[in-house]
Amino acid sequence: MMIIVGSFLPSALWLPVPNLPTQVINLSSSWQVGALLLCALVCGPRSGVIAATAYLTIGLLHLPVFHGGGTVNYIFAPGFGYLAGFVPAAWITGRLAKQNGINNFFNLTLSALVGLFFIQMCGVTNLMIGSIFNRWAEGLPELLFMYTLGPMPAQIVICAGIGIIAIPLRRLLFFK
């Protein structure tokens, strides 16, 4: 549920305030990645993998929970490699977060960044394989910028944010 809520949260947070100028800043990233990594940081590798698998299953069964929609045809989209990277990212992030002495901002953020690295590597691998077989109209440099380099700064900031959020949640759940 956290991953689904994370995908809708950025648009839900923008509320126009009367008589104040509003400015929308596009982060070119959804909070799906942050929600997944937060789940793994707080609940561990097993829960993180279950959440990632459930999220992928829900999205592939025609519910539009992915950033670009959903259905089985999403497997052939350039961005699906990043979604497939959710499973190994959840596992490795949860495993790192379970180790002793990880319950501080720096180590939790670093664990989330390692998970983000796995997501990015799965996505880049998918883009490279798809480009070799000419699966998409765009070239590899455009796809890399659109799916990796463009969202990367926002995702790094989100990793730092979930590092902060994970500390009280882990204490609340008595996670050591």
Protein backbone atom coordinates (compact mmCIF):
# COMPACT_ATOMS: atom_id res chain seq x y z
CA MET A 1 0.00 0.00 0.00
CA MET A 2 2.86 2.37 0.78
CA ILE A 3 4.18 2.08 -2.77
CA ILE A 4 0.75 2.84 -4.27
CA VAL A 5 0.25 5.79 -1.93
CA GLY A 6 3.77 6.94 -2.80
CA SER A 7 2.83 7.08 -6.46
CA PHE A 8 -0.13 9.37 -5.77
CA LEU A 9 1.40 11.51 -3.03
CA PRO A 10 3.20 14.14 -5.15
CA SER A 11 0.04 15.14 -6.96
CA ALA A 12 -2.01 15.06 -3.76
CA LEU A 13 0.37 17.39 -1.93
CA TRP A 14 -0.04 20.22 -4.40
CA LEU A 15 -2.98 22.20 -3.10
CA PRO A 16 -3.62 25.73 -4.33
CA VAL A 17 -3.59 28.21 -1.47
CA PRO A 18 -5.82 31.26 -2.02
CA ASN A 19 -4.09 34.62 -2.47
CA LEU A 20 -0.64 33.08 -2.49
CA PRO A 21 1.34 32.53 -5.66
CA THR A 22 1.84 28.83 -6.19
CA GLN A 23 4.70 27.28 -8.02
CA VAL A 24 4.86 23.66 -9.06
CA ILE A 25 8.31 22.15 -9.30
CA ASN A 26 8.42 18.94 -11.28
CA LEU A 27 10.81 16.53 -9.59
CA SER A 28 10.63 14.18 -12.59
CA SER A 29 10.26 11.33 -10.15
CA SER A 30 7.44 9.65 -8.31
CA TRP A 31 7.64 8.53 -4.72
CA GLN A 32 7.16 4.86 -5.61
CA VAL A 33 10.87 4.24 -5.16
CA GLY A 34 10.94 6.04 -1.82
CA ALA A 35 7.90 4.16 -0.53
CA LEU A 36 9.43 0.81 -1.50
CA LEU A 37 12.78 1.60 0.08
CA LEU A 38 11.10 2.94 3.23
CA CYS A 39 9.14 -0.30 3.54
CA ALA A 40 12.38 -2.29 3.24
CA LEU A 41 14.22 -0.05 5.73
CA VAL A 42 11.49 -0.28 8.32
CA CYS A 43 10.11 -3.79 7.85
CA GLY A 44 13.11 -5.72 6.54
CA PRO A 45 13.95 -7.67 3.39
CA ARG A 46 11.12 -10.17 3.51
CA SER A 47 8.37 -7.57 3.83
CA GLY A 48 10.07 -5.37 1.25
CA VAL A 49 10.17 -8.18 -1.33
CA ILE A 50 6.56 -9.10 -0.59
CA ALA A 51 5.51 -5.45 -1.02
CA ALA A 52 7.47 -5.12 -4.29
CA THR A 53 6.04 -8.36 -5.67
CA ALA A 54 2.50 -7.39 -4.68
CA TYR A 55 2.94 -3.96 -6.27
CA LEU A 56 4.19 -5.46 -9.53
CA THR A 57 1.36 -7.99 -9.56
CA ILE A 58 -1.29 -5.34 -8.95
CA GLY A 59 0.15 -3.13 -11.69
CA LEU A 60 0.44 -5.93 -14.21
CA LEU A 61 -3.14 -7.05 -13.53
CA HIS A 62 -4.48 -3.94 -15.18
CA LEU A 63 -4.67 -1.55 -12.22
CA PRO A 64 -2.98 1.75 -13.16
CA VAL A 65 -0.62 2.03 -10.19
CA PHE A 66 2.62 2.43 -12.15
CA HIS A 67 3.91 5.90 -13.00
CA GLY A 68 2.81 5.38 -16.61
CA GLY A 69 -0.28 3.26 -15.98
CA GLY A 70 -0.39 -0.52 -15.81
CA THR A 71 -1.29 -3.82 -17.60
CA VAL A 72 0.75 -6.78 -18.79
CA ASN A 73 1.84 -4.72 -21.83
CA TYR A 74 3.83 -2.53 -19.43
CA ILE A 75 6.47 -5.29 -19.48
CA PHE A 76 7.46 -4.04 -22.94
CA ALA A 77 7.78 -0.40 -21.84
CA PRO A 78 11.26 1.07 -21.41
CA GLY A 79 10.63 1.81 -17.74
CA PHE A 80 9.71 -1.74 -16.73
CA GLY A 81 13.31 -2.66 -15.94
CA TYR A 82 13.25 -0.11 -13.14
CA LEU A 83 10.09 -1.68 -11.72
CA ALA A 84 11.62 -5.15 -11.98
CA GLY A 85 14.54 -3.77 -9.97
CA PHE A 86 12.17 -3.15 -7.05
CA VAL A 87 12.46 -6.78 -5.91
CA PRO A 88 16.27 -7.01 -5.58
CA ALA A 89 16.40 -3.43 -4.28
CA ALA A 90 13.91 -4.23 -1.52
CA TRP A 91 15.84 -7.32 -0.54
CA ILE A 92 19.28 -5.70 -0.40
CA THR A 93 17.99 -2.55 1.32
CA GLY A 94 16.18 -4.61 3.93
CA ARG A 95 19.22 -6.83 4.51
CA LEU A 96 21.48 -3.82 4.98
CA ALA A 97 19.00 -2.15 7.33
CA LYS A 98 18.76 -5.27 9.53
CA GLN A 99 22.44 -5.22 10.44
CA ASN A 100 23.58 -3.95 13.83
CA GLY A 101 24.44 -0.26 14.12
CA ILE A 102 22.41 0.84 11.09
CA ASN A 103 19.81 2.82 13.04
CA ASN A 104 21.11 6.31 12.19
CA PHE A 105 20.41 8.76 9.39
CA PHE A 106 23.65 8.23 7.48
CA ASN A 107 23.51 4.43 7.43
CA LEU A 108 19.79 4.27 6.63
CA THR A 109 20.23 6.76 3.80
CA LEU A 110 23.22 4.81 2.51
CA SER A 111 21.17 1.59 2.59
CA ALA A 112 18.42 3.31 0.59
CA LEU A 113 20.98 4.60 -1.92
CA VAL A 114 22.29 1.06 -2.42
CA GLY A 115 18.71 -0.04 -3.14
CA LEU A 116 18.32 2.87 -5.57
CA PHE A 117 21.53 1.75 -7.28
CA PHE A 118 20.04 -1.73 -7.83
CA ILE A 119 16.85 -0.24 -9.27
CA GLN A 120 18.87 1.93 -11.63
CA MET A 121 21.12 -0.94 -12.73
CA CYS A 122 18.14 -3.17 -13.55
CA GLY A 123 16.54 -0.32 -15.47
CA VAL A 124 19.69 0.60 -17.39
CA THR A 125 20.26 -3.07 -18.27
CA ASN A 126 16.72 -3.26 -19.67
CA LEU A 127 17.26 -0.07 -21.67
CA MET A 128 20.54 -1.33 -23.10
CA ILE A 129 19.11 -4.72 -24.09
CA GLY A 130 16.03 -3.07 -25.60
CA SER A 131 18.19 -0.63 -27.54
CA ILE A 132 20.31 -3.44 -28.95
CA PHE A 133 17.15 -5.08 -30.30
CA ASN A 134 15.60 -1.72 -31.40
CA ARG A 135 12.53 -2.14 -29.19
CA TRP A 136 11.91 1.60 -28.78
CA ALA A 137 11.77 4.59 -31.07
CA GLU A 138 14.04 6.70 -28.84
CA GLY A 139 17.78 6.18 -28.79
CA LEU A 140 19.70 4.95 -25.78
CA PRO A 141 21.02 8.42 -24.75
CA GLU A 142 17.49 9.89 -24.70
CA LEU A 143 16.15 6.91 -22.74
CA LEU A 144 19.00 7.07 -20.23
CA PHE A 145 18.35 10.73 -19.62
CA MET A 146 14.58 10.27 -19.40
CA TYR A 147 14.61 7.28 -17.06
CA THR A 148 17.93 7.49 -15.17
CA LEU A 149 19.73 10.82 -15.22
CA GLY A 150 16.63 13.04 -15.10
CA PRO A 151 14.98 11.44 -12.03
CA MET A 152 18.26 10.68 -10.22
CA PRO A 153 18.67 13.96 -8.25
CA ALA A 154 15.10 13.81 -6.93
CA GLN A 155 15.47 10.14 -6.04
CA ILE A 156 18.66 10.84 -4.09
CA VAL A 157 16.85 13.56 -2.13
CA ILE A 158 13.96 11.16 -1.51
CA CYS A 159 16.45 8.57 -0.18
CA ALA A 160 17.71 11.13 2.33
CA GLY A 161 14.13 11.93 3.31
CA ILE A 162 13.23 8.32 3.91
CA GLY A 163 16.42 7.92 5.94
CA ILE A 164 15.00 10.55 8.28
CA ILE A 165 11.49 9.07 8.30
CA ALA A 166 12.76 5.52 8.90
CA ILE A 167 14.41 6.37 12.24
CA PRO A 168 11.23 7.07 14.25
CA LEU A 169 9.28 4.36 12.41
CA ARG A 170 11.91 1.76 13.29
CA ARG A 171 11.81 2.88 16.93
CA LEU A 172 8.02 2.78 16.90
CA LEU A 173 8.13 -0.82 15.63
CA PHE A 174 10.97 -1.74 18.02
CA PHE A 175 13.20 -2.66 15.09
CA LYS A 176 16.87 -2.97 16.00
